């Protein structure tokens, strides 16, 4: 009976250890599957976003090949007195006062604000890519624009769904899952959050 108890305990220990290593792969299995899922979505949405940009943006529209975000910096008077501040491999968080409008690809407006102050770091990844400057440091977060968005900038962009709400619903239920989103932003003020 004692040997049977030891055998049962050993069996439980081996089963627990092996199931943990199979299921989690130290978290790498889920991470790799998520990367494959996102890559698949980006590839599927790329021609749709390209067609949208070609039909709705001007001739100066560009694509960021890393993210698949199409953008167009609109003519505007730019005040370059604000400078983004590096901190390690990232940027000091920014609070921006903006006018903006967000739309679905079918033209449905899901949000619009004027003279609205917001902490950029609390927003969807597409906004971080648009606001923060390029960062040439290795292993660092890098935005799309060389100097980031500056006071007076106006920009229009369309972002693939993984850089928006991905496969999760937004808190207001206005945005279907896996939806690319279009934004028009005018920057009125910028300040460091700290």
C-alpha atoms as a PDB file:
ATOM      1  CA  UNK A   1       0.000   0.000   0.000  1.00  0.00           C
ATOM      2  CA  UNK A   2       2.872   2.362   0.856  1.00  0.00           C
ATOM      3  CA  UNK A   3       4.515   1.693  -2.543  1.00  0.00           C
ATOM      4  CA  UNK A   4       1.208   2.306  -4.312  1.00  0.00           C
ATOM      5  CA  UNK A   5       0.883   5.668  -2.520  1.00  0.00           C
ATOM      6  CA  UNK A   6       4.435   6.673  -3.568  1.00  0.00           C
ATOM      7  CA  UNK A   7       3.779   5.537  -7.118  1.00  0.00           C
ATOM      8  CA  UNK A   8       0.559   7.601  -7.230  1.00  0.00           C
ATOM      9  CA  UNK A   9       2.347  10.714  -5.866  1.00  0.00           C
ATOM     10  CA  UNK A  10       5.162  10.274  -8.406  1.00  0.00           C
ATOM     11  CA  UNK A  11       2.584   9.866 -11.191  1.00  0.00           C
ATOM     12  CA  UNK A  12       0.810  13.077 -10.130  1.00  0.00           C
ATOM     13  CA  UNK A  13       4.098  14.990  -9.988  1.00  0.00           C
ATOM     14  CA  UNK A  14       5.180  13.787 -13.442  1.00  0.00           C
ATOM     15  CA  UNK A  15       1.741  14.491 -14.942  1.00  0.00           C
ATOM     16  CA  UNK A  16       1.669  17.985 -13.438  1.00  0.00           C
ATOM     17  CA  UNK A  17       5.173  18.851 -14.625  1.00  0.00           C
ATOM     18  CA  UNK A  18       4.676  17.470 -18.121  1.00  0.00           C
ATOM     19  CA  UNK A  19       1.288  19.137 -18.583  1.00  0.00           C
ATOM     20  CA  UNK A  20       2.702  22.463 -17.450  1.00  0.00           C
ATOM     21  CA  UNK A  21       5.587  22.259 -19.882  1.00  0.00           C
ATOM     22  CA  UNK A  22       3.317  21.172 -22.772  1.00  0.00           C
ATOM     23  CA  UNK A  23       0.657  23.824 -22.180  1.00  0.00           C
ATOM     24  CA  UNK A  24       2.814  26.795 -21.444  1.00  0.00           C
ATOM     25  CA  UNK A  25       6.089  26.207 -23.281  1.00  0.00           C
ATOM     26  CA  UNK A  26       7.239  28.902 -20.876  1.00  0.00           C
ATOM     27  CA  UNK A  27       4.615  31.078 -22.532  1.00  0.00           C
ATOM     28  CA  UNK A  28       6.374  30.884 -25.899  1.00  0.00           C
ATOM     29  CA  UNK A  29       3.733  28.677 -27.546  1.00  0.00           C
ATOM     30  CA  UNK A  30       0.949  31.191 -26.941  1.00  0.00           C
ATOM     31  CA  UNK A  31       3.231  34.077 -27.901  1.00  0.00           C
ATOM     32  CA  UNK A  32       4.268  32.430 -31.176  1.00  0.00           C
ATOM     33  CA  UNK A  33       0.655  31.527 -32.007  1.00  0.00           C
ATOM     34  CA  UNK A  34      -0.392  35.121 -31.358  1.00  0.00           C
ATOM     35  CA  UNK A  35       2.380  36.427 -33.622  1.00  0.00           C
ATOM     36  CA  UNK A  36       1.234  34.061 -36.393  1.00  0.00           C
ATOM     37  CA  UNK A  37      -2.370  35.205 -35.917  1.00  0.00           C
ATOM     38  CA  UNK A  38      -1.387  38.881 -36.092  1.00  0.00           C
ATOM     39  CA  UNK A  39       0.844  38.315 -39.128  1.00  0.00           C
ATOM     40  CA  UNK A  40      -2.023  36.563 -40.897  1.00  0.00           C
ATOM     41  CA  UNK A  41      -4.403  39.466 -40.151  1.00  0.00           C
ATOM     42  CA  UNK A  42      -1.866  42.064 -41.301  1.00  0.00           C
ATOM     43  CA  UNK A  43      -1.365  40.206 -44.593  1.00  0.00           C
ATOM     44  CA  UNK A  44      -5.113  39.837 -45.151  1.00  0.00           C
ATOM     45  CA  UNK A  45      -5.838  43.509 -44.396  1.00  0.00           C
ATOM     46  CA  UNK A  46      -2.866  44.965 -46.346  1.00  0.00           C
ATOM     47  CA  UNK A  47      -4.553  45.108 -49.784  1.00  0.00           C
ATOM     48  CA  UNK A  48      -7.775  46.468 -48.266  1.00  0.00           C
ATOM     49  CA  UNK A  49      -5.917  49.286 -46.489  1.00  0.00           C
ATOM     50  CA  UNK A  50      -3.858  50.047 -49.594  1.00  0.00           C
ATOM     51  CA  UNK A  51      -7.008  50.351 -51.699  1.00  0.00           C
ATOM     52  CA  UNK A  52      -8.642  52.586 -49.079  1.00  0.00           C
ATOM     53  CA  UNK A  53      -5.569  54.868 -48.897  1.00  0.00           C
ATOM     54  CA  UNK A  54      -5.318  55.094 -52.686  1.00  0.00           C
ATOM     55  CA  UNK A  55      -8.980  56.070 -52.968  1.00  0.00           C
ATOM     56  CA  UNK A  56      -9.286  58.387 -49.956  1.00  0.00           C
ATOM     57  CA  UNK A  57      -5.858  59.879 -49.215  1.00  0.00           C
ATOM     58  CA  UNK A  58      -3.860  62.325 -51.311  1.00  0.00           C
ATOM     59  CA  UNK A  59      -0.828  61.614 -53.446  1.00  0.00           C
ATOM     60  CA  UNK A  60       1.484  62.141 -50.441  1.00  0.00           C
ATOM     61  CA  UNK A  61       0.101  59.121 -48.576  1.00  0.00           C
ATOM     62  CA  UNK A  62       2.759  56.745 -47.270  1.00  0.00           C
ATOM     63  CA  UNK A  63       2.822  53.328 -45.697  1.00  0.00           C
ATOM     64  CA  UNK A  64       4.904  52.336 -42.729  1.00  0.00           C
ATOM     65  CA  UNK A  65       6.073  48.909 -43.870  1.00  0.00           C
ATOM     66  CA  UNK A  66       6.679  47.698 -40.309  1.00  0.00           C
ATOM     67  CA  UNK A  67       3.126  48.284 -39.060  1.00  0.00           C
ATOM     68  CA  UNK A  68       1.077  48.478 -42.253  1.00  0.00           C
ATOM     69  CA  UNK A  69      -0.269  51.888 -41.167  1.00  0.00           C
ATOM     70  CA  UNK A  70      -1.060  54.206 -44.086  1.00  0.00           C
ATOM     71  CA  UNK A  71      -0.793  57.904 -43.243  1.00  0.00           C
ATOM     72  CA  UNK A  72      -0.882  61.335 -44.766  1.00  0.00           C
ATOM     73  CA  UNK A  73       0.520  64.395 -43.030  1.00  0.00           C
ATOM     74  CA  UNK A  74      -1.758  67.220 -44.099  1.00  0.00           C
ATOM     75  CA  UNK A  75      -0.560  70.741 -44.728  1.00  0.00           C
ATOM     76  CA  UNK A  76      -0.377  72.630 -41.485  1.00  0.00           C
ATOM     77  CA  UNK A  77       1.564  75.297 -39.627  1.00  0.00           C
ATOM     78  CA  UNK A  78       3.857  73.432 -37.274  1.00  0.00           C
ATOM     79  CA  UNK A  79       5.255  74.712 -33.995  1.00  0.00           C
ATOM     80  CA  UNK A  80       8.357  72.643 -33.248  1.00  0.00           C
ATOM     81  CA  UNK A  81       8.964  74.090 -29.764  1.00  0.00           C
ATOM     82  CA  UNK A  82       7.938  70.801 -28.099  1.00  0.00           C
ATOM     83  CA  UNK A  83      10.617  68.094 -28.079  1.00  0.00           C
ATOM     84  CA  UNK A  84       9.951  64.462 -27.191  1.00  0.00           C
ATOM     85  CA  UNK A  85      12.252  63.251 -24.431  1.00  0.00           C
ATOM     86  CA  UNK A  86      13.896  59.825 -24.530  1.00  0.00           C
ATOM     87  CA  UNK A  87      13.853  57.665 -21.440  1.00  0.00           C
ATOM     88  CA  UNK A  88      15.759  54.409 -21.798  1.00  0.00           C
ATOM     89  CA  UNK A  89      14.368  52.618 -24.849  1.00  0.00           C
ATOM     90  CA  UNK A  90      11.201  54.684 -25.023  1.00  0.00           C
ATOM     91  CA  UNK A  91       9.811  58.185 -24.623  1.00  0.00           C
ATOM     92  CA  UNK A  92       8.610  60.232 -21.666  1.00  0.00           C
ATOM     93  CA  UNK A  93       4.796  59.908 -21.783  1.00  0.00           C
ATOM     94  CA  UNK A  94       2.975  62.725 -23.535  1.00  0.00           C
ATOM     95  CA  UNK A  95      -0.329  64.451 -22.870  1.00  0.00           C
ATOM     96  CA  UNK A  96      -1.830  65.981 -26.008  1.00  0.00           C
ATOM     97  CA  UNK A  97      -4.699  68.371 -26.583  1.00  0.00           C
ATOM     98  CA  UNK A  98      -6.233  67.500 -29.930  1.00  0.00           C
ATOM     99  CA  UNK A  99      -9.167  67.656 -32.282  1.00  0.00           C
ATOM    100  CA  UNK A 100      -9.886  64.230 -33.715  1.00  0.00           C
ATOM    101  CA  UNK A 101     -12.367  62.007 -35.454  1.00  0.00           C
ATOM    102  CA  UNK A 102     -12.401  58.206 -35.645  1.00  0.00           C
ATOM    103  CA  UNK A 103     -14.228  56.242 -38.331  1.00  0.00           C
ATOM    104  CA  UNK A 104     -14.803  52.709 -39.524  1.00  0.00           C
ATOM    105  CA  UNK A 105     -13.924  51.891 -43.128  1.00  0.00           C
ATOM    106  CA  UNK A 106     -17.594  52.187 -44.122  1.00  0.00           C
ATOM    107  CA  UNK A 107     -17.557  55.855 -43.027  1.00  0.00           C
ATOM    108  CA  UNK A 108     -19.378  55.348 -39.714  1.00  0.00           C
ATOM    109  CA  UNK A 109     -18.016  57.815 -37.150  1.00  0.00           C
ATOM    110  CA  UNK A 110     -17.470  56.136 -33.785  1.00  0.00           C
ATOM    111  CA  UNK A 111     -15.909  59.055 -31.916  1.00  0.00           C
ATOM    112  CA  UNK A 112     -15.131  62.734 -32.321  1.00  0.00           C
ATOM    113  CA  UNK A 113     -13.688  65.255 -29.863  1.00  0.00           C
ATOM    114  CA  UNK A 114     -12.553  68.877 -30.037  1.00  0.00           C
ATOM    115  CA  UNK A 115      -9.998  70.480 -27.731  1.00  0.00           C
ATOM    116  CA  UNK A 116      -9.688  67.124 -25.988  1.00  0.00           C
ATOM    117  CA  UNK A 117      -6.785  66.416 -23.618  1.00  0.00           C
ATOM    118  CA  UNK A 118      -5.567  62.817 -23.453  1.00  0.00           C
ATOM    119  CA  UNK A 119      -2.653  60.754 -22.193  1.00  0.00           C
ATOM    120  CA  UNK A 120      -1.258  59.207 -25.360  1.00  0.00           C
ATOM    121  CA  UNK A 121       0.241  56.193 -23.548  1.00  0.00           C
ATOM    122  CA  UNK A 122      -3.239  55.038 -22.540  1.00  0.00           C
ATOM    123  CA  UNK A 123      -4.400  54.699 -26.154  1.00  0.00           C
ATOM    124  CA  UNK A 124      -4.311  52.036 -28.839  1.00  0.00           C
ATOM    125  CA  UNK A 125      -0.896  51.111 -30.319  1.00  0.00           C
ATOM    126  CA  UNK A 126      -1.616  52.911 -33.623  1.00  0.00           C
ATOM    127  CA  UNK A 127      -1.711  56.236 -31.777  1.00  0.00           C
ATOM    128  CA  UNK A 128       1.648  55.531 -30.119  1.00  0.00           C
ATOM    129  CA  UNK A 129       3.122  54.788 -33.545  1.00  0.00           C
ATOM    130  CA  UNK A 130       1.722  58.036 -34.954  1.00  0.00           C
ATOM    131  CA  UNK A 131       2.562  60.350 -32.044  1.00  0.00           C
ATOM    132  CA  UNK A 132       6.037  59.296 -30.940  1.00  0.00           C
ATOM    133  CA  UNK A 133       9.143  59.953 -33.073  1.00  0.00           C
ATOM    134  CA  UNK A 134      11.359  57.440 -34.776  1.00  0.00           C
ATOM    135  CA  UNK A 135      13.919  55.988 -32.378  1.00  0.00           C
ATOM    136  CA  UNK A 136      17.110  54.593 -33.872  1.00  0.00           C
ATOM    137  CA  UNK A 137      18.341  52.990 -30.648  1.00  0.00           C
ATOM    138  CA  UNK A 138      18.513  49.200 -30.825  1.00  0.00           C
ATOM    139  CA  UNK A 139      15.579  47.361 -29.187  1.00  0.00           C
ATOM    140  CA  UNK A 140      13.759  50.658 -28.669  1.00  0.00           C
ATOM    141  CA  UNK A 141      10.181  51.673 -29.353  1.00  0.00           C
ATOM    142  CA  UNK A 142      10.069  53.686 -32.552  1.00  0.00           C
ATOM    143  CA  UNK A 143       7.247  55.727 -33.993  1.00  0.00           C
ATOM    144  CA  UNK A 144       6.608  56.363 -37.671  1.00  0.00           C
ATOM    145  CA  UNK A 145       7.390  60.078 -38.125  1.00  0.00           C
ATOM    146  CA  UNK A 146      10.960  61.405 -37.806  1.00  0.00           C
ATOM    147  CA  UNK A 147      10.043  64.038 -35.171  1.00  0.00           C
ATOM    148  CA  UNK A 148       6.709  62.643 -34.033  1.00  0.00           C
ATOM    149  CA  UNK A 149       3.546  64.697 -34.191  1.00  0.00           C
ATOM    150  CA  UNK A 150       4.164  68.322 -33.325  1.00  0.00           C
ATOM    151  CA  UNK A 151       1.874  71.175 -32.312  1.00  0.00           C
ATOM    152  CA  UNK A 152      -0.108  72.243 -35.372  1.00  0.00           C
ATOM    153  CA  UNK A 153       0.309  68.917 -37.213  1.00  0.00           C
ATOM    154  CA  UNK A 154      -2.710  67.483 -38.946  1.00  0.00           C
ATOM    155  CA  UNK A 155      -2.613  63.845 -39.938  1.00  0.00           C
ATOM    156  CA  UNK A 156      -4.961  61.265 -41.379  1.00  0.00           C
ATOM    157  CA  UNK A 157      -4.215  57.553 -41.061  1.00  0.00           C
ATOM    158  CA  UNK A 158      -5.691  54.096 -41.358  1.00  0.00           C
ATOM    159  CA  UNK A 159      -4.357  51.351 -39.112  1.00  0.00           C
ATOM    160  CA  UNK A 160      -4.757  47.571 -39.334  1.00  0.00           C
ATOM    161  CA  UNK A 161      -6.875  46.045 -36.583  1.00  0.00           C
ATOM    162  CA  UNK A 162      -3.964  44.552 -34.555  1.00  0.00           C
ATOM    163  CA  UNK A 163      -2.815  48.148 -33.939  1.00  0.00           C
ATOM    164  CA  UNK A 164      -6.329  49.173 -32.919  1.00  0.00           C
ATOM    165  CA  UNK A 165      -8.607  46.990 -30.780  1.00  0.00           C
ATOM    166  CA  UNK A 166      -7.503  43.756 -32.460  1.00  0.00           C
ATOM    167  CA  UNK A 167      -9.886  40.888 -31.709  1.00  0.00           C
ATOM    168  CA  UNK A 168     -11.443  42.521 -28.636  1.00  0.00           C
ATOM    169  CA  UNK A 169     -14.493  44.783 -28.564  1.00  0.00           C
ATOM    170  CA  UNK A 170     -14.053  48.442 -27.623  1.00  0.00           C
ATOM    171  CA  UNK A 171     -15.572  49.504 -24.301  1.00  0.00           C
ATOM    172  CA  UNK A 172     -18.468  51.332 -25.984  1.00  0.00           C
ATOM    173  CA  UNK A 173     -19.371  48.525 -28.372  1.00  0.00           C
ATOM    174  CA  UNK A 174     -19.185  50.811 -31.418  1.00  0.00           C
ATOM    175  CA  UNK A 175     -16.233  49.105 -33.110  1.00  0.00           C
ATOM    176  CA  UNK A 176     -16.561  45.536 -34.433  1.00  0.00           C
ATOM    177  CA  UNK A 177     -13.660  43.212 -33.602  1.00  0.00           C
ATOM    178  CA  UNK A 178     -10.820  43.022 -36.158  1.00  0.00           C
ATOM    179  CA  UNK A 179     -11.712  46.437 -37.612  1.00  0.00           C
ATOM    180  CA  UNK A 180      -9.117  48.664 -39.259  1.00  0.00           C
ATOM    181  CA  UNK A 181      -9.713  52.254 -38.119  1.00  0.00           C
ATOM    182  CA  UNK A 182      -9.320  55.683 -39.717  1.00  0.00           C
ATOM    183  CA  UNK A 183      -8.364  58.743 -37.686  1.00  0.00           C
ATOM    184  CA  UNK A 184      -8.005  62.447 -38.422  1.00  0.00           C
ATOM    185  CA  UNK A 185      -5.967  64.273 -35.777  1.00  0.00           C
ATOM    186  CA  UNK A 186      -4.986  67.899 -35.287  1.00  0.00           C
ATOM    187  CA  UNK A 187      -2.485  68.540 -32.488  1.00  0.00           C
ATOM    188  CA  UNK A 188      -3.249  71.697 -30.484  1.00  0.00           C
ATOM    189  CA  UNK A 189      -0.896  71.297 -27.490  1.00  0.00           C
ATOM    190  CA  UNK A 190       1.726  68.842 -26.232  1.00  0.00           C
ATOM    191  CA  UNK A 191       3.295  68.448 -22.812  1.00  0.00           C
ATOM    192  CA  UNK A 192       5.246  65.781 -20.970  1.00  0.00           C
ATOM    193  CA  UNK A 193       3.091  63.767 -18.569  1.00  0.00           C
ATOM    194  CA  UNK A 194       5.712  63.842 -15.803  1.00  0.00           C
END
